N, C-alpha and C. Protein backbone atom coordinates (compact mmCIF):
# COMPACT_ATOMS: atom_id res chain seq x y z
N UNK A 1 55.11 34.05 -18.85
CA UNK A 1 54.80 33.02 -19.83
C UNK A 1 55.08 33.54 -21.23
N UNK A 2 55.58 32.65 -22.09
CA UNK A 2 55.85 33.03 -23.47
C UNK A 2 55.25 31.98 -24.39
N UNK A 3 55.29 32.28 -25.67
CA UNK A 3 54.74 31.36 -26.67
C UNK A 3 55.86 30.78 -27.52
N UNK A 4 55.61 29.58 -28.04
CA UNK A 4 56.57 28.90 -28.92
C UNK A 4 56.66 29.68 -30.23
N UNK A 5 57.88 29.88 -30.70
CA UNK A 5 58.10 30.61 -31.95
C UNK A 5 57.63 29.80 -33.16
N UNK A 6 57.57 28.48 -33.02
CA UNK A 6 57.20 27.63 -34.15
C UNK A 6 55.69 27.43 -34.26
N UNK A 7 55.03 27.04 -33.15
CA UNK A 7 53.61 26.70 -33.24
C UNK A 7 52.70 27.64 -32.45
N UNK A 8 53.27 28.51 -31.62
CA UNK A 8 52.48 29.47 -30.87
C UNK A 8 51.91 28.95 -29.57
N UNK A 9 52.19 27.71 -29.19
CA UNK A 9 51.67 27.15 -27.95
C UNK A 9 52.27 27.88 -26.75
N UNK A 10 51.53 27.92 -25.66
CA UNK A 10 52.01 28.56 -24.43
C UNK A 10 53.07 27.66 -23.81
N UNK A 11 54.21 28.24 -23.49
CA UNK A 11 55.32 27.49 -22.92
C UNK A 11 55.29 27.60 -21.41
N UNK A 12 55.49 26.45 -20.74
CA UNK A 12 55.59 26.49 -19.29
C UNK A 12 56.96 27.04 -18.91
N UNK A 13 57.03 27.67 -17.74
CA UNK A 13 58.26 28.31 -17.31
C UNK A 13 59.36 27.28 -17.10
N UNK A 14 60.53 27.54 -17.67
CA UNK A 14 61.68 26.66 -17.52
C UNK A 14 61.70 25.48 -18.48
N UNK A 15 60.72 25.40 -19.38
CA UNK A 15 60.66 24.28 -20.32
C UNK A 15 61.79 24.39 -21.33
N UNK A 16 62.41 23.26 -21.63
CA UNK A 16 63.47 23.23 -22.63
C UNK A 16 62.92 22.95 -24.01
N UNK A 17 61.70 22.33 -24.05
CA UNK A 17 61.07 22.01 -25.32
C UNK A 17 59.60 22.39 -25.26
N UNK A 18 59.02 22.71 -26.42
CA UNK A 18 57.61 23.04 -26.52
C UNK A 18 56.79 21.75 -26.38
N UNK A 19 55.73 21.80 -25.58
CA UNK A 19 54.89 20.61 -25.40
C UNK A 19 53.97 20.40 -26.59
N UNK A 20 53.80 21.42 -27.44
CA UNK A 20 52.92 21.30 -28.61
C UNK A 20 53.60 20.70 -29.82
N UNK A 21 54.84 21.15 -30.11
CA UNK A 21 55.49 20.68 -31.35
C UNK A 21 56.87 20.06 -31.12
N UNK A 22 57.39 20.17 -29.89
CA UNK A 22 58.69 19.56 -29.60
C UNK A 22 59.89 20.43 -29.95
N UNK A 23 59.65 21.66 -30.38
CA UNK A 23 60.73 22.58 -30.74
C UNK A 23 61.53 22.93 -29.49
N UNK A 24 62.85 22.99 -29.63
CA UNK A 24 63.72 23.38 -28.51
C UNK A 24 63.46 24.85 -28.19
N UNK A 25 63.29 25.15 -26.93
CA UNK A 25 63.02 26.51 -26.48
C UNK A 25 64.33 27.16 -26.07
N UNK A 26 64.60 28.32 -26.63
CA UNK A 26 65.82 29.04 -26.29
C UNK A 26 65.50 30.10 -25.25
N UNK A 27 66.19 30.03 -24.15
CA UNK A 27 66.02 31.08 -23.15
C UNK A 27 66.93 32.24 -23.52
N UNK A 28 66.68 33.38 -22.89
CA UNK A 28 67.43 34.59 -23.22
C UNK A 28 68.91 34.42 -22.91
N UNK A 29 69.26 33.63 -21.87
CA UNK A 29 70.65 33.50 -21.48
C UNK A 29 71.33 32.29 -22.09
N UNK A 30 70.60 31.46 -22.86
CA UNK A 30 71.22 30.28 -23.46
C UNK A 30 71.57 30.55 -24.92
N UNK A 31 72.47 29.75 -25.41
CA UNK A 31 72.87 29.84 -26.82
C UNK A 31 71.87 29.04 -27.66
N UNK A 32 71.68 29.41 -28.93
CA UNK A 32 70.79 28.62 -29.78
C UNK A 32 71.42 27.25 -30.09
N UNK A 33 70.55 26.32 -30.45
CA UNK A 33 70.99 24.97 -30.74
C UNK A 33 70.81 24.64 -32.21
N UNK A 34 71.67 23.78 -32.71
CA UNK A 34 71.60 23.33 -34.10
C UNK A 34 70.38 22.42 -34.27
N UNK A 35 69.60 22.67 -35.30
CA UNK A 35 68.41 21.85 -35.56
C UNK A 35 68.77 20.45 -36.05
N UNK A 36 69.98 20.28 -36.58
CA UNK A 36 70.38 18.99 -37.13
C UNK A 36 71.03 18.08 -36.09
N UNK A 37 72.03 18.61 -35.37
CA UNK A 37 72.78 17.75 -34.44
C UNK A 37 72.58 18.11 -32.98
N UNK A 38 71.97 19.26 -32.66
CA UNK A 38 71.70 19.64 -31.28
C UNK A 38 72.82 20.38 -30.59
N UNK A 39 73.94 20.61 -31.26
CA UNK A 39 75.06 21.33 -30.64
C UNK A 39 74.70 22.81 -30.47
N UNK A 40 75.32 23.45 -29.47
CA UNK A 40 75.07 24.87 -29.27
C UNK A 40 75.81 25.69 -30.30
N UNK A 41 75.14 26.74 -30.79
CA UNK A 41 75.73 27.63 -31.78
C UNK A 41 75.93 28.99 -31.11
N UNK A 42 77.15 29.49 -31.05
CA UNK A 42 77.38 30.79 -30.40
C UNK A 42 76.78 31.94 -31.20
N UNK A 43 76.52 33.05 -30.51
CA UNK A 43 75.97 34.24 -31.17
C UNK A 43 76.92 34.70 -32.26
N UNK A 44 76.35 35.11 -33.38
CA UNK A 44 77.14 35.62 -34.49
C UNK A 44 77.53 34.55 -35.49
N UNK A 45 77.44 33.27 -35.11
CA UNK A 45 77.79 32.18 -36.03
C UNK A 45 76.60 31.88 -36.93
N UNK A 46 76.86 31.71 -38.21
CA UNK A 46 75.80 31.38 -39.17
C UNK A 46 75.68 29.88 -39.41
N UNK A 47 76.70 29.11 -38.99
CA UNK A 47 76.71 27.68 -39.23
C UNK A 47 77.14 26.95 -37.98
N UNK A 48 76.66 25.71 -37.84
CA UNK A 48 77.04 24.87 -36.70
C UNK A 48 78.49 24.43 -36.87
N UNK A 49 79.26 24.55 -35.82
CA UNK A 49 80.67 24.15 -35.86
C UNK A 49 80.81 22.62 -35.84
N UNK A 50 79.78 21.91 -35.41
CA UNK A 50 79.86 20.45 -35.32
C UNK A 50 79.54 19.75 -36.64
N UNK A 51 78.47 20.21 -37.32
CA UNK A 51 78.05 19.48 -38.52
C UNK A 51 77.98 20.35 -39.78
N UNK A 52 78.11 21.67 -39.64
CA UNK A 52 78.10 22.55 -40.81
C UNK A 52 76.72 22.98 -41.26
N UNK A 53 75.67 22.58 -40.53
CA UNK A 53 74.30 22.97 -40.91
C UNK A 53 74.11 24.46 -40.70
N UNK A 54 73.31 25.11 -41.54
CA UNK A 54 73.07 26.54 -41.34
C UNK A 54 72.24 26.79 -40.09
N UNK A 55 72.52 27.89 -39.44
CA UNK A 55 71.78 28.28 -38.24
C UNK A 55 70.35 28.65 -38.66
N UNK A 56 69.39 28.33 -37.83
CA UNK A 56 68.00 28.67 -38.13
C UNK A 56 67.89 30.17 -38.34
N UNK A 57 67.27 30.56 -39.44
CA UNK A 57 67.11 31.97 -39.75
C UNK A 57 68.22 32.53 -40.61
N UNK A 58 69.30 31.79 -40.81
CA UNK A 58 70.38 32.29 -41.66
C UNK A 58 70.18 31.77 -43.08
N UNK A 59 70.83 32.39 -44.04
CA UNK A 59 70.73 31.96 -45.43
C UNK A 59 71.67 30.80 -45.65
N UNK A 60 71.17 29.63 -46.09
CA UNK A 60 72.02 28.46 -46.24
C UNK A 60 73.11 28.58 -47.29
N UNK A 61 72.97 29.48 -48.26
CA UNK A 61 73.95 29.60 -49.33
C UNK A 61 75.09 30.55 -49.00
N UNK A 62 75.27 30.90 -47.74
CA UNK A 62 76.32 31.85 -47.38
C UNK A 62 77.71 31.23 -47.49
N UNK A 63 77.82 29.94 -47.30
CA UNK A 63 79.13 29.30 -47.34
C UNK A 63 79.09 28.06 -48.22
N UNK A 64 80.05 27.91 -49.12
CA UNK A 64 80.08 26.70 -49.93
C UNK A 64 80.53 25.49 -49.13
N UNK A 65 81.03 25.70 -47.91
CA UNK A 65 81.54 24.61 -47.09
C UNK A 65 80.51 24.07 -46.12
N UNK A 66 79.34 24.67 -46.05
CA UNK A 66 78.30 24.24 -45.13
C UNK A 66 77.54 23.07 -45.74
N UNK A 67 78.11 21.90 -45.62
CA UNK A 67 77.52 20.68 -46.17
C UNK A 67 77.41 19.68 -45.04
N UNK A 68 76.25 19.07 -44.91
CA UNK A 68 76.10 18.04 -43.89
C UNK A 68 75.63 16.75 -44.53
N UNK A 69 75.45 15.71 -43.74
CA UNK A 69 75.29 14.36 -44.27
C UNK A 69 74.11 14.22 -45.21
N UNK A 70 73.01 14.94 -45.03
CA UNK A 70 71.87 14.76 -45.92
C UNK A 70 72.14 15.30 -47.31
N UNK A 71 73.01 16.28 -47.44
CA UNK A 71 73.31 16.85 -48.75
C UNK A 71 74.30 15.97 -49.51
N UNK A 72 75.12 15.24 -48.79
CA UNK A 72 76.15 14.42 -49.43
C UNK A 72 75.57 13.17 -50.09
N UNK A 73 74.35 12.78 -49.74
CA UNK A 73 73.75 11.58 -50.30
C UNK A 73 73.46 11.79 -51.78
N UNK A 74 73.89 10.85 -52.61
CA UNK A 74 73.65 10.92 -54.04
C UNK A 74 72.47 10.03 -54.38
N UNK A 75 71.58 10.54 -55.20
CA UNK A 75 70.40 9.80 -55.62
C UNK A 75 70.63 9.28 -57.03
N UNK A 76 70.47 7.97 -57.22
CA UNK A 76 70.60 7.38 -58.55
C UNK A 76 69.28 7.56 -59.29
N UNK A 77 69.29 8.33 -60.37
CA UNK A 77 68.05 8.65 -61.07
C UNK A 77 67.74 7.71 -62.24
N UNK A 78 68.56 6.71 -62.50
CA UNK A 78 68.34 5.71 -63.56
C UNK A 78 68.19 6.34 -64.94
N UNK A 79 68.86 7.46 -65.18
CA UNK A 79 68.68 8.17 -66.43
C UNK A 79 69.11 7.35 -67.65
N UNK A 80 70.22 6.65 -67.54
CA UNK A 80 70.71 5.85 -68.67
C UNK A 80 69.69 4.76 -69.04
N UNK A 81 69.18 4.04 -68.04
CA UNK A 81 68.19 3.01 -68.30
C UNK A 81 66.91 3.61 -68.87
N UNK A 82 66.55 4.77 -68.37
CA UNK A 82 65.32 5.42 -68.85
C UNK A 82 65.45 5.84 -70.31
N UNK A 83 66.64 6.28 -70.71
CA UNK A 83 66.86 6.65 -72.11
C UNK A 83 66.75 5.42 -73.00
N UNK A 84 67.37 4.32 -72.59
CA UNK A 84 67.30 3.07 -73.35
C UNK A 84 65.85 2.58 -73.43
N UNK A 85 65.13 2.63 -72.30
CA UNK A 85 63.73 2.21 -72.29
C UNK A 85 62.88 3.07 -73.20
N UNK A 86 63.16 4.37 -73.23
CA UNK A 86 62.39 5.28 -74.08
C UNK A 86 62.65 4.98 -75.55
N UNK A 87 63.89 4.70 -75.89
CA UNK A 87 64.21 4.39 -77.29
C UNK A 87 63.56 3.08 -77.73
N UNK A 88 63.63 2.07 -76.89
CA UNK A 88 63.10 0.76 -77.26
C UNK A 88 61.58 0.71 -77.17
N UNK A 89 61.01 1.29 -76.13
CA UNK A 89 59.57 1.17 -75.88
C UNK A 89 58.83 2.49 -76.09
N UNK A 90 59.29 3.30 -77.05
CA UNK A 90 58.64 4.58 -77.31
C UNK A 90 57.19 4.35 -77.71
N UNK A 91 56.26 5.07 -77.25
CA UNK A 91 56.24 6.22 -76.34
C UNK A 91 56.05 5.84 -74.88
N UNK A 92 55.84 4.54 -74.59
CA UNK A 92 55.57 4.13 -73.21
C UNK A 92 56.77 4.41 -72.29
N UNK A 93 57.96 4.32 -72.82
CA UNK A 93 59.17 4.55 -72.03
C UNK A 93 59.36 6.00 -71.60
N UNK A 94 58.58 6.91 -72.16
CA UNK A 94 58.69 8.32 -71.77
C UNK A 94 58.40 8.53 -70.29
N UNK A 95 57.56 7.68 -69.72
CA UNK A 95 57.26 7.80 -68.29
C UNK A 95 58.51 7.65 -67.44
N UNK A 96 59.32 6.66 -67.76
CA UNK A 96 60.57 6.45 -67.02
C UNK A 96 61.51 7.64 -67.20
N UNK A 97 61.58 8.15 -68.42
CA UNK A 97 62.46 9.29 -68.70
C UNK A 97 61.99 10.53 -67.93
N UNK A 98 60.70 10.76 -67.88
CA UNK A 98 60.18 11.92 -67.15
C UNK A 98 60.50 11.82 -65.67
N UNK A 99 60.28 10.64 -65.06
CA UNK A 99 60.60 10.46 -63.65
C UNK A 99 62.10 10.67 -63.39
N UNK A 100 62.95 10.17 -64.28
CA UNK A 100 64.40 10.35 -64.11
C UNK A 100 64.79 11.82 -64.16
N UNK A 101 64.21 12.55 -65.11
CA UNK A 101 64.53 13.97 -65.23
C UNK A 101 64.00 14.76 -64.04
N UNK A 102 62.81 14.41 -63.54
CA UNK A 102 62.28 15.07 -62.34
C UNK A 102 63.18 14.80 -61.13
N UNK A 103 63.69 13.57 -61.03
CA UNK A 103 64.59 13.22 -59.94
C UNK A 103 65.88 14.02 -60.01
N UNK A 104 66.43 14.12 -61.20
CA UNK A 104 67.68 14.87 -61.37
C UNK A 104 67.46 16.35 -61.05
N UNK A 105 66.34 16.91 -61.47
CA UNK A 105 66.03 18.30 -61.20
C UNK A 105 65.85 18.55 -59.69
N UNK A 106 65.11 17.67 -59.01
CA UNK A 106 64.90 17.83 -57.57
C UNK A 106 66.21 17.70 -56.81
N UNK A 107 67.09 16.79 -57.24
CA UNK A 107 68.38 16.62 -56.57
C UNK A 107 69.26 17.86 -56.77
N UNK A 108 69.18 18.47 -57.94
CA UNK A 108 70.00 19.66 -58.18
C UNK A 108 69.50 20.84 -57.35
N UNK A 109 68.22 20.83 -56.98
CA UNK A 109 67.67 21.88 -56.13
C UNK A 109 67.87 21.57 -54.65
N UNK A 110 68.41 20.40 -54.33
CA UNK A 110 68.66 20.02 -52.94
C UNK A 110 67.47 19.37 -52.26
N UNK A 111 66.42 19.06 -52.99
CA UNK A 111 65.24 18.43 -52.43
C UNK A 111 65.39 16.91 -52.54
N UNK A 112 66.06 16.31 -51.54
CA UNK A 112 66.41 14.90 -51.62
C UNK A 112 65.21 13.98 -51.46
N UNK A 113 64.22 14.37 -50.70
CA UNK A 113 63.06 13.50 -50.53
C UNK A 113 62.30 13.36 -51.86
N UNK A 114 62.11 14.47 -52.57
CA UNK A 114 61.44 14.40 -53.87
C UNK A 114 62.32 13.67 -54.89
N UNK A 115 63.62 13.93 -54.85
CA UNK A 115 64.53 13.27 -55.78
C UNK A 115 64.50 11.76 -55.59
N UNK A 116 64.48 11.31 -54.34
CA UNK A 116 64.43 9.88 -54.05
C UNK A 116 63.10 9.29 -54.51
N UNK A 117 62.02 10.02 -54.28
CA UNK A 117 60.70 9.54 -54.70
C UNK A 117 60.60 9.42 -56.22
N UNK A 118 61.06 10.44 -56.94
CA UNK A 118 61.04 10.38 -58.40
C UNK A 118 61.96 9.28 -58.92
N UNK A 119 63.12 9.11 -58.29
CA UNK A 119 64.05 8.06 -58.73
C UNK A 119 63.42 6.68 -58.55
N UNK A 120 62.67 6.50 -57.46
CA UNK A 120 61.98 5.22 -57.26
C UNK A 120 60.91 5.01 -58.32
N UNK A 121 60.22 6.08 -58.71
CA UNK A 121 59.24 5.99 -59.79
C UNK A 121 59.89 5.58 -61.10
N UNK A 122 61.04 6.17 -61.40
CA UNK A 122 61.77 5.81 -62.63
C UNK A 122 62.22 4.36 -62.59
N UNK A 123 62.70 3.93 -61.42
CA UNK A 123 63.18 2.56 -61.28
C UNK A 123 62.02 1.57 -61.49
N UNK A 124 60.87 1.84 -60.86
CA UNK A 124 59.71 0.96 -61.00
C UNK A 124 59.22 0.95 -62.45
N UNK A 125 59.17 2.11 -63.07
CA UNK A 125 58.70 2.21 -64.46
C UNK A 125 59.60 1.37 -65.37
N UNK A 126 60.92 1.48 -65.20
CA UNK A 126 61.86 0.70 -66.01
C UNK A 126 61.69 -0.79 -65.77
N UNK A 127 61.57 -1.19 -64.52
CA UNK A 127 61.42 -2.62 -64.21
C UNK A 127 60.16 -3.17 -64.84
N UNK A 128 59.06 -2.47 -64.70
CA UNK A 128 57.79 -2.95 -65.28
C UNK A 128 57.90 -3.06 -66.79
N UNK A 129 58.48 -2.06 -67.44
CA UNK A 129 58.64 -2.11 -68.90
C UNK A 129 59.43 -3.35 -69.32
N UNK A 130 60.55 -3.58 -68.68
CA UNK A 130 61.40 -4.69 -69.08
C UNK A 130 60.80 -6.05 -68.73
N UNK A 131 60.12 -6.15 -67.59
CA UNK A 131 59.49 -7.42 -67.23
C UNK A 131 58.36 -7.75 -68.19
N UNK A 132 57.54 -6.76 -68.50
CA UNK A 132 56.44 -6.98 -69.45
C UNK A 132 56.99 -7.34 -70.83
N UNK A 133 58.02 -6.62 -71.28
CA UNK A 133 58.58 -6.91 -72.61
C UNK A 133 59.20 -8.30 -72.66
N UNK A 134 60.02 -8.63 -71.66
CA UNK A 134 60.65 -9.95 -71.67
C UNK A 134 59.63 -11.05 -71.48
N UNK A 135 58.62 -10.80 -70.65
CA UNK A 135 57.54 -11.78 -70.49
C UNK A 135 56.80 -12.00 -71.79
N UNK A 136 56.55 -10.93 -72.53
CA UNK A 136 55.88 -11.04 -73.82
C UNK A 136 56.70 -11.84 -74.81
N UNK A 137 58.00 -11.58 -74.84
CA UNK A 137 58.87 -12.34 -75.74
C UNK A 137 58.88 -13.82 -75.37
N UNK A 138 58.89 -14.13 -74.08
CA UNK A 138 58.88 -15.52 -73.65
C UNK A 138 57.57 -16.20 -74.02
N UNK A 139 56.46 -15.51 -73.85
CA UNK A 139 55.16 -16.10 -74.20
C UNK A 139 55.07 -16.35 -75.70
N UNK A 140 55.48 -15.38 -76.51
CA UNK A 140 55.44 -15.55 -77.97
C UNK A 140 56.38 -16.69 -78.39
N UNK A 141 57.57 -16.74 -77.82
CA UNK A 141 58.50 -17.82 -78.13
C UNK A 141 57.96 -19.18 -77.75
N UNK A 142 57.33 -19.26 -76.59
CA UNK A 142 56.74 -20.51 -76.13
C UNK A 142 55.61 -20.96 -77.06
N UNK A 143 54.80 -20.00 -77.50
CA UNK A 143 53.71 -20.32 -78.43
C UNK A 143 54.27 -20.82 -79.76
N UNK A 144 55.34 -20.20 -80.26
CA UNK A 144 55.95 -20.65 -81.51
C UNK A 144 56.52 -22.06 -81.39
N UNK A 145 57.14 -22.34 -80.25
CA UNK A 145 57.69 -23.68 -80.03
C UNK A 145 56.56 -24.70 -79.98
N UNK A 146 55.48 -24.40 -79.29
CA UNK A 146 54.35 -25.33 -79.22
C UNK A 146 53.72 -25.57 -80.58
N UNK A 147 53.57 -24.51 -81.35
CA UNK A 147 52.97 -24.69 -82.68
C UNK A 147 53.90 -25.47 -83.60
N UNK A 148 55.21 -25.30 -83.43
CA UNK A 148 56.15 -26.06 -84.25
C UNK A 148 56.13 -27.53 -83.86
N UNK A 149 56.02 -27.79 -82.56
CA UNK A 149 56.02 -29.19 -82.10
C UNK A 149 54.75 -29.91 -82.54
N UNK A 150 53.62 -29.28 -82.37
CA UNK A 150 52.35 -29.93 -82.66
C UNK A 150 51.86 -29.69 -84.08
N UNK A 151 52.65 -28.99 -84.88
CA UNK A 151 52.32 -28.79 -86.28
C UNK A 151 51.01 -28.05 -86.49
N UNK A 152 50.78 -27.04 -85.71
CA UNK A 152 49.52 -26.34 -85.82
C UNK A 152 49.52 -25.29 -86.93
N UNK A 153 50.67 -25.10 -87.55
CA UNK A 153 50.71 -24.15 -88.66
C UNK A 153 50.14 -24.81 -89.90
N UNK A 154 49.24 -24.13 -90.56
CA UNK A 154 48.69 -24.64 -91.83
C UNK A 154 49.39 -23.90 -92.96
N UNK A 155 50.46 -24.48 -93.45
CA UNK A 155 51.23 -23.83 -94.49
C UNK A 155 50.78 -24.27 -95.85
């Protein structure tokens, strides 16, 4: 009997996967498998030949060509809109700018889940700013039209 390298659970004999965490179990005579696509990786290889993902335990920065589908996704951080919002709605617009910069920073570090989350925060912040501002302008304009129609101004 052996233990899972990931969670330490006791592995049943001949099991291909750990019953505790679902990690693929490598037997001594089998080749390791890619964590991303499941293809077998031969001994000595640092990257999967099928998708380019780094082998578990290897340094991912060994090859500039090891890029797989999750890295290729580009996150829109709404930086241009956030700059405009910050200029027009200063200091309230700084929130959108901060979220955009956090998103750009996380994307440059390869952390796509955080980058996407921050980008969504920037997008929501910008939308709320513009909806509130345009709604305010509409309300003020409507009030001015009503006062002009009913002559409520005492000039």
